[in-house]
PDB file of all heavy atoms in Angstrom:
ATOM      1  N   PRO A   1      99.716 144.273  66.322  1.00  0.00           N
ATOM      2  CA  PRO A   1      99.022 143.019  65.991  1.00  0.00           C
ATOM      3  C   PRO A   1      99.295 142.617  64.548  1.00  0.00           C
ATOM      4  O   PRO A   1      99.583 143.449  63.691  1.00  0.00           O
ATOM      5  CB  PRO A   1      97.548 143.378  66.181  1.00  0.00           C
ATOM      6  CG  PRO A   1      97.480 144.840  65.968  1.00  0.00           C
ATOM      7  CD  PRO A   1      98.796 145.388  66.475  1.00  0.00           C
ATOM      8  N   GLU A   2      99.182 141.296  64.302  1.00  0.00           N
ATOM      9  CA  GLU A   2      99.318 140.800  62.937  1.00  0.00           C
ATOM     10  C   GLU A   2      98.080 141.216  62.148  1.00  0.00           C
ATOM     11  O   GLU A   2      96.941 141.061  62.608  1.00  0.00           O
ATOM     12  CB  GLU A   2      99.426 139.284  62.948  1.00  0.00           C
ATOM     13  CG  GLU A   2      99.647 138.710  61.579  1.00  0.00           C
ATOM     14  CD  GLU A   2      99.799 137.204  61.604  1.00  0.00           C
ATOM     15  OE1 GLU A   2     100.205 136.653  62.644  1.00  0.00           O
ATOM     16  OE2 GLU A   2      99.496 136.587  60.583  1.00  0.00           O
ATOM     17  N   ILE A   3      98.296 141.769  60.989  1.00  0.00           N
ATOM     18  CA  ILE A   3      97.186 142.224  60.150  1.00  0.00           C
ATOM     19  C   ILE A   3      96.647 141.017  59.373  1.00  0.00           C
ATOM     20  O   ILE A   3      97.397 140.334  58.680  1.00  0.00           O
ATOM     21  CB  ILE A   3      97.633 143.333  59.189  1.00  0.00           C
ATOM     22  CG1 ILE A   3      98.103 144.543  60.015  1.00  0.00           C
ATOM     23  CG2 ILE A   3      96.508 143.714  58.237  1.00  0.00           C
ATOM     24  CD1 ILE A   3      98.751 145.624  59.210  1.00  0.00           C
ATOM     25  N   PRO A   4      95.351 140.722  59.512  1.00  0.00           N
ATOM     26  CA  PRO A   4      94.795 139.534  58.841  1.00  0.00           C
ATOM     27  C   PRO A   4      94.672 139.748  57.336  1.00  0.00           C
ATOM     28  O   PRO A   4      94.664 140.883  56.852  1.00  0.00           O
ATOM     29  CB  PRO A   4      93.417 139.379  59.483  1.00  0.00           C
ATOM     30  CG  PRO A   4      93.057 140.750  59.928  1.00  0.00           C
ATOM     31  CD  PRO A   4      94.358 141.437  60.288  1.00  0.00           C
ATOM     32  N   LEU A   5      94.587 138.639  56.624  1.00  0.00           N
ATOM     33  CA  LEU A   5      94.343 138.706  55.191  1.00  0.00           C
ATOM     34  C   LEU A   5      92.931 139.211  54.931  1.00  0.00           C
ATOM     35  O   LEU A   5      92.014 138.971  55.722  1.00  0.00           O
ATOM     36  CB  LEU A   5      94.483 137.314  54.573  1.00  0.00           C
ATOM     37  CG  LEU A   5      95.867 136.689  54.610  1.00  0.00           C
ATOM     38  CD1 LEU A   5      95.812 135.258  54.078  1.00  0.00           C
ATOM     39  CD2 LEU A   5      96.855 137.508  53.811  1.00  0.00           C
ATOM     40  N   VAL A   6      92.759 139.886  53.825  1.00  0.00           N
ATOM     41  CA  VAL A   6      91.433 140.333  53.411  1.00  0.00           C
ATOM     42  C   VAL A   6      90.702 139.125  52.829  1.00  0.00           C
ATOM     43  O   VAL A   6      91.270 138.392  52.008  1.00  0.00           O
ATOM     44  CB  VAL A   6      91.546 141.457  52.356  1.00  0.00           C
ATOM     45  CG1 VAL A   6      90.180 141.834  51.813  1.00  0.00           C
ATOM     46  CG2 VAL A   6      92.249 142.663  52.951  1.00  0.00           C
ATOM     47  N   PRO A   7      89.473 138.867  53.245  1.00  0.00           N
ATOM     48  CA  PRO A   7      88.747 137.718  52.682  1.00  0.00           C
ATOM     49  C   PRO A   7      88.566 137.857  51.170  1.00  0.00           C
ATOM     50  O   PRO A   7      88.407 138.965  50.655  1.00  0.00           O
ATOM     51  CB  PRO A   7      87.379 137.779  53.372  1.00  0.00           C
ATOM     52  CG  PRO A   7      87.601 138.579  54.604  1.00  0.00           C
ATOM     53  CD  PRO A   7      88.693 139.565  54.258  1.00  0.00           C
ATOM     54  N   ALA A   8      88.610 136.737  50.486  1.00  0.00           N
ATOM     55  CA  ALA A   8      88.289 136.723  49.060  1.00  0.00           C
ATOM     56  C   ALA A   8      86.763 136.698  48.949  1.00  0.00           C
ATOM     57  O   ALA A   8      86.098 135.977  49.688  1.00  0.00           O
ATOM     58  CB  ALA A   8      88.909 135.496  48.403  1.00  0.00           C
ATOM     59  N   HIS A   9      86.221 137.487  48.038  1.00  0.00           N
ATOM     60  CA  HIS A   9      84.770 137.620  47.928  1.00  0.00           C
ATOM     61  C   HIS A   9      84.378 137.647  46.460  1.00  0.00           C
ATOM     62  O   HIS A   9      84.970 138.383  45.674  1.00  0.00           O
ATOM     63  CB  HIS A   9      84.336 138.923  48.613  1.00  0.00           C
ATOM     64  CG  HIS A   9      82.873 139.156  48.560  1.00  0.00           C
ATOM     65  ND1 HIS A   9      82.308 140.084  47.732  1.00  0.00           N
ATOM     66  CD2 HIS A   9      81.858 138.583  49.237  1.00  0.00           C
ATOM     67  CE1 HIS A   9      80.996 140.077  47.901  1.00  0.00           C
ATOM     68  NE2 HIS A   9      80.699 139.171  48.797  1.00  0.00           N
ATOM     69  N   TRP A  10      83.382 136.823  46.109  1.00  0.00           N
ATOM     70  CA  TRP A  10      82.895 136.782  44.746  1.00  0.00           C
ATOM     71  C   TRP A  10      81.374 136.763  44.750  1.00  0.00           C
ATOM     72  O   TRP A  10      80.752 136.266  45.671  1.00  0.00           O
ATOM     73  CB  TRP A  10      83.355 135.508  44.022  1.00  0.00           C
ATOM     74  CG  TRP A  10      84.822 135.308  43.974  1.00  0.00           C
ATOM     75  CD1 TRP A  10      85.695 135.777  43.033  1.00  0.00           C
ATOM     76  CD2 TRP A  10      85.611 134.548  44.895  1.00  0.00           C
ATOM     77  NE1 TRP A  10      86.959 135.360  43.328  1.00  0.00           N
ATOM     78  CE2 TRP A  10      86.942 134.599  44.460  1.00  0.00           C
ATOM     79  CE3 TRP A  10      85.326 133.829  46.062  1.00  0.00           C
ATOM     80  CZ2 TRP A  10      87.982 133.967  45.131  1.00  0.00           C
ATOM     81  CZ3 TRP A  10      86.351 133.201  46.731  1.00  0.00           C
ATOM     82  CH2 TRP A  10      87.663 133.270  46.264  1.00  0.00           C
ATOM     83  N   ARG A  11      80.808 137.270  43.667  1.00  0.00           N
ATOM     84  CA  ARG A  11      79.376 137.134  43.392  1.00  0.00           C
ATOM     85  C   ARG A  11      79.246 136.461  42.034  1.00  0.00           C
ATOM     86  O   ARG A  11      79.919 136.845  41.083  1.00  0.00           O
ATOM     87  CB  ARG A  11      78.702 138.501  43.360  1.00  0.00           C
ATOM     88  CG  ARG A  11      78.563 139.111  44.723  1.00  0.00           C
ATOM     89  CD  ARG A  11      77.711 140.379  44.664  1.00  0.00           C
ATOM     90  NE  ARG A  11      77.534 140.891  45.993  1.00  0.00           N
ATOM     91  CZ  ARG A  11      78.134 141.967  46.470  1.00  0.00           C
ATOM     92  NH1 ARG A  11      78.958 142.650  45.700  1.00  0.00           N
ATOM     93  NH2 ARG A  11      77.908 142.367  47.700  1.00  0.00           N
ATOM     94  N   PHE A  12      78.380 135.468  41.995  1.00  0.00           N
ATOM     95  CA  PHE A  12      78.172 134.713  40.757  1.00  0.00           C
ATOM     96  C   PHE A  12      76.685 134.690  40.425  1.00  0.00           C
ATOM     97  O   PHE A  12      75.839 134.658  41.325  1.00  0.00           O
ATOM     98  CB  PHE A  12      78.637 133.258  40.922  1.00  0.00           C
ATOM     99  CG  PHE A  12      80.110 133.110  41.143  1.00  0.00           C
ATOM    100  CD1 PHE A  12      80.600 132.888  42.416  1.00  0.00           C
ATOM    101  CD2 PHE A  12      80.996 133.178  40.081  1.00  0.00           C
ATOM    102  CE1 PHE A  12      81.962 132.737  42.636  1.00  0.00           C
ATOM    103  CE2 PHE A  12      82.355 133.042  40.293  1.00  0.00           C
ATOM    104  CZ  PHE A  12      82.841 132.812  41.561  1.00  0.00           C
ATOM    105  N   PRO A  13      76.345 134.643  39.126  1.00  0.00           N
ATOM    106  CA  PRO A  13      74.943 134.453  38.760  1.00  0.00           C
ATOM    107  C   PRO A  13      74.449 133.125  39.324  1.00  0.00           C
ATOM    108  O   PRO A  13      75.198 132.151  39.388  1.00  0.00           O
ATOM    109  CB  PRO A  13      74.974 134.410  37.226  1.00  0.00           C
ATOM    110  CG  PRO A  13      76.257 135.066  36.837  1.00  0.00           C
ATOM    111  CD  PRO A  13      77.219 134.791  37.952  1.00  0.00           C
ATOM    112  N   ALA A  14      73.204 133.097  39.739  1.00  0.00           N
ATOM    113  CA  ALA A  14      72.606 131.876  40.282  1.00  0.00           C
ATOM    114  C   ALA A  14      72.286 130.939  39.121  1.00  0.00           C
ATOM    115  O   ALA A  14      71.131 130.725  38.750  1.00  0.00           O
ATOM    116  CB  ALA A  14      71.360 132.208  41.098  1.00  0.00           C
ATOM    117  N   HIS A  15      73.348 130.394  38.546  1.00  0.00           N
ATOM    118  CA  HIS A  15      73.241 129.526  37.375  1.00  0.00           C
ATOM    119  C   HIS A  15      74.264 128.399  37.524  1.00  0.00           C
ATOM    120  O   HIS A  15      75.377 128.635  38.012  1.00  0.00           O
ATOM    121  CB  HIS A  15      73.525 130.340  36.107  1.00  0.00           C
ATOM    122  CG  HIS A  15      73.298 129.576  34.869  1.00  0.00           C
ATOM    123  ND1 HIS A  15      74.259 128.744  34.309  1.00  0.00           N
ATOM    124  CD2 HIS A  15      72.217 129.481  34.070  1.00  0.00           C
ATOM    125  CE1 HIS A  15      73.778 128.192  33.219  1.00  0.00           C
ATOM    126  NE2 HIS A  15      72.539 128.617  33.046  1.00  0.00           N
ATOM    127  N   PRO A  16      73.919 127.173  37.099  1.00  0.00           N
ATOM    128  CA  PRO A  16      74.857 126.052  37.257  1.00  0.00           C
ATOM    129  C   PRO A  16      76.253 126.290  36.681  1.00  0.00           C
ATOM    130  O   PRO A  16      77.236 125.762  37.198  1.00  0.00           O
ATOM    131  CB  PRO A  16      74.154 124.898  36.540  1.00  0.00           C
ATOM    132  CG  PRO A  16      72.702 125.228  36.650  1.00  0.00           C
ATOM    133  CD  PRO A  16      72.624 126.731  36.559  1.00  0.00           C
ATOM    134  N   ALA A  17      76.380 127.087  35.635  1.00  0.00           N
ATOM    135  CA  ALA A  17      77.696 127.363  35.051  1.00  0.00           C
ATOM    136  C   ALA A  17      78.621 128.091  36.028  1.00  0.00           C
ATOM    137  O   ALA A  17      79.843 128.047  35.879  1.00  0.00           O
ATOM    138  CB  ALA A  17      77.544 128.180  33.768  1.00  0.00           C
ATOM    139  N   SER A  18      78.061 128.714  37.031  1.00  0.00           N
ATOM    140  CA  SER A  18      78.868 129.443  38.018  1.00  0.00           C
ATOM    141  C   SER A  18      79.661 128.515  38.929  1.00  0.00           C
ATOM    142  O   SER A  18      80.660 128.934  39.517  1.00  0.00           O
ATOM    143  CB  SER A  18      77.967 130.340  38.870  1.00  0.00           C
ATOM    144  OG  SER A  18      77.387 131.343  38.075  1.00  0.00           O
ATOM    145  N   VAL A  19      79.233 127.272  39.069  1.00  0.00           N
ATOM    146  CA  VAL A  19      79.906 126.344  39.986  1.00  0.00           C
ATOM    147  C   VAL A  19      81.354 126.125  39.552  1.00  0.00           C
ATOM    148  O   VAL A  19      82.275 126.183  40.370  1.00  0.00           O
ATOM    149  CB  VAL A  19      79.140 125.014  40.112  1.00  0.00           C
ATOM    150  CG1 VAL A  19      79.891 124.020  40.976  1.00  0.00           C
ATOM    151  CG2 VAL A  19      77.738 125.272  40.675  1.00  0.00           C
ATOM    152  N   ARG A  20      81.575 125.899  38.287  1.00  0.00           N
ATOM    153  CA  ARG A  20      82.938 125.705  37.774  1.00  0.00           C
ATOM    154  C   ARG A  20      83.791 126.949  38.007  1.00  0.00           C
ATOM    155  O   ARG A  20      84.944 126.857  38.433  1.00  0.00           O
ATOM    156  CB  ARG A  20      82.884 125.358  36.291  1.00  0.00           C
ATOM    157  CG  ARG A  20      84.239 125.119  35.677  1.00  0.00           C
ATOM    158  CD  ARG A  20      84.085 124.649  34.203  1.00  0.00           C
ATOM    159  NE  ARG A  20      85.362 124.600  33.565  1.00  0.00           N
ATOM    160  CZ  ARG A  20      85.884 125.604  32.850  1.00  0.00           C
ATOM    161  NH1 ARG A  20      85.210 126.729  32.697  1.00  0.00           N
ATOM    162  NH2 ARG A  20      87.060 125.478  32.288  1.00  0.00           N
ATOM    163  N   ARG A  21      83.234 128.110  37.722  1.00  0.00           N
ATOM    164  CA  ARG A  21      83.972 129.366  37.929  1.00  0.00           C
ATOM    165  C   ARG A  21      84.319 129.553  39.399  1.00  0.00           C
ATOM    166  O   ARG A  21      85.417 130.002  39.735  1.00  0.00           O
ATOM    167  CB  ARG A  21      83.143 130.548  37.422  1.00  0.00           C
ATOM    168  CG  ARG A  21      83.011 130.554  35.912  1.00  0.00           C
ATOM    169  CD  ARG A  21      82.144 131.702  35.388  1.00  0.00           C
ATOM    170  NE  ARG A  21      82.470 132.966  35.984  1.00  0.00           N
ATOM    171  CZ  ARG A  21      81.559 133.874  36.363  1.00  0.00           C
ATOM    172  NH1 ARG A  21      80.275 133.637  36.193  1.00  0.00           N
ATOM    173  NH2 ARG A  21      81.940 135.005  36.896  1.00  0.00           N
ATOM    174  N   ALA A  22      83.409 129.199  40.282  1.00  0.00           N
ATOM    175  CA  ALA A  22      83.647 129.348  41.722  1.00  0.00           C
ATOM    176  C   ALA A  22      84.757 128.407  42.195  1.00  0.00           C
ATOM    177  O   ALA A  22      85.629 128.808  42.972  1.00  0.00           O
ATOM    178  CB  ALA A  22      82.363 129.086  42.497  1.00  0.00           C
ATOM    179  N   ARG A  23      84.729 127.166  41.734  1.00  0.00           N
ATOM    180  CA  ARG A  23      85.795 126.220  42.101  1.00  0.00           C
ATOM    181  C   ARG A  23      87.153 126.755  41.680  1.00  0.00           C
ATOM    182  O   ARG A  23      88.125 126.708  42.444  1.00  0.00           O
ATOM    183  CB  ARG A  23      85.554 124.853  41.445  1.00  0.00           C
ATOM    184  CG  ARG A  23      84.478 124.035  42.078  1.00  0.00           C
ATOM    185  CD  ARG A  23      84.505 122.589  41.593  1.00  0.00           C
ATOM    186  NE  ARG A  23      84.640 122.445  40.164  1.00  0.00           N
ATOM    187  CZ  ARG A  23      83.639 122.154  39.319  1.00  0.00           C
ATOM    188  NH1 ARG A  23      82.415 121.970  39.788  1.00  0.00           N
ATOM    189  NH2 ARG A  23      83.849 122.043  38.037  1.00  0.00           N
ATOM    190  N   HIS A  24      87.231 127.254  40.472  1.00  0.00           N
ATOM    191  CA  HIS A  24      88.492 127.796  39.963  1.00  0.00           C
ATOM    192  C   HIS A  24      88.935 129.003  40.802  1.00  0.00           C
ATOM    193  O   HIS A  24      90.114 129.116  41.162  1.00  0.00           O
ATOM    194  CB  HIS A  24      88.338 128.193  38.492  1.00  0.00           C
ATOM    195  CG  HIS A  24      89.580 128.738  37.895  1.00  0.00           C
ATOM    196  ND1 HIS A  24      90.661 127.952  37.569  1.00  0.00           N
ATOM    197  CD2 HIS A  24      89.924 130.011  37.588  1.00  0.00           C
ATOM    198  CE1 HIS A  24      91.621 128.719  37.081  1.00  0.00           C
ATOM    199  NE2 HIS A  24      91.195 129.969  37.077  1.00  0.00           N
ATOM    200  N   ALA A  25      88.016 129.890  41.114  1.00  0.00           N
ATOM    201  CA  ALA A  25      88.347 131.079  41.910  1.00  0.00           C
ATOM    202  C   ALA A  25      88.893 130.688  43.284  1.00  0.00           C
ATOM    203  O   ALA A  25      89.891 131.257  43.762  1.00  0.00           O
ATOM    204  CB  ALA A  25      87.113 131.969  42.062  1.00  0.00           C
ATOM    205  N   VAL A  26      88.265 129.725  43.922  1.00  0.00           N
ATOM    206  CA  VAL A  26      88.707 129.279  45.247  1.00  0.00           C
ATOM    207  C   VAL A  26      90.098 128.665  45.164  1.00  0.00           C
ATOM    208  O   VAL A  26      90.990 128.984  45.952  1.00  0.00           O
ATOM    209  CB  VAL A  26      87.685 128.294  45.865  1.00  0.00           C
ATOM    210  CG1 VAL A  26      88.269 127.543  47.044  1.00  0.00           C
ATOM    211  CG2 VAL A  26      86.433 129.054  46.284  1.00  0.00           C
ATOM    212  N   THR A  27      90.306 127.794  44.202  1.00  0.00           N
ATOM    213  CA  THR A  27      91.618 127.158  44.052  1.00  0.00           C
ATOM    214  C   THR A  27      92.705 128.199  43.819  1.00  0.00           C
ATOM    215  O   THR A  27      93.775 128.149  44.436  1.00  0.00           O
ATOM    216  CB  THR A  27      91.605 126.152  42.878  1.00  0.00           C
ATOM    217  OG1 THR A  27      90.625 125.159  43.151  1.00  0.00           O
ATOM    218  CG2 THR A  27      92.953 125.491  42.695  1.00  0.00           C
ATOM    219  N   GLU A  28      92.443 129.141  42.945  1.00  0.00           N
ATOM    220  CA  GLU A  28      93.440 130.169  42.634  1.00  0.00           C
ATOM    221  C   GLU A  28      93.728 131.100  43.811  1.00  0.00           C
ATOM    222  O   GLU A  28      94.811 131.657  43.894  1.00  0.00           O
ATOM    223  CB  GLU A  28      92.994 130.984  41.419  1.00  0.00           C
ATOM    224  CG  GLU A  28      93.046 130.203  40.123  1.00  0.00           C
ATOM    225  CD  GLU A  28      94.444 129.686  39.809  1.00  0.00           C
ATOM    226  OE1 GLU A  28      95.409 130.473  39.841  1.00  0.00           O
ATOM    227  OE2 GLU A  28      94.566 128.473  39.538  1.00  0.00           O
ATOM    228  N   SER A  29      92.779 131.253  44.716  1.00  0.00           N
ATOM    229  CA  SER A  29      92.994 132.162  45.841  1.00  0.00           C
ATOM    230  C   SER A  29      93.752 131.512  46.999  1.00  0.00           C
ATOM    231  O   SER A  29      94.262 132.206  47.876  1.00  0.00           O
ATOM    232  CB  SER A  29      91.666 132.730  46.339  1.00  0.00           C
ATOM    233  OG  SER A  29      90.932 131.731  46.992  1.00  0.00           O
ATOM    234  N   LEU A  30      93.852 130.183  47.006  1.00  0.00           N
ATOM    235  CA  LEU A  30      94.593 129.498  48.069  1.00  0.00           C
ATOM    236  C   LEU A  30      96.093 129.721  47.899  1.00  0.00           C
ATOM    237  O   LEU A  30      96.602 129.671  46.778  1.00  0.00           O
ATOM    238  CB  LEU A  30      94.345 127.996  48.020  1.00  0.00           C
ATOM    239  CG  LEU A  30      93.146 127.444  48.742  1.00  0.00           C
ATOM    240  CD1 LEU A  30      93.064 125.936  48.503  1.00  0.00           C
ATOM    241  CD2 LEU A  30      93.172 127.746  50.200  1.00  0.00           C
TER     242      LEU A  30
END
């Protein structure tokens, strides 16, 4: 079988500043 990719996983502080970091992380992982 084809081996699937490992999901990207992050934890961020529950703070508005984390939104920018999360967007960047998602874009870079694509």
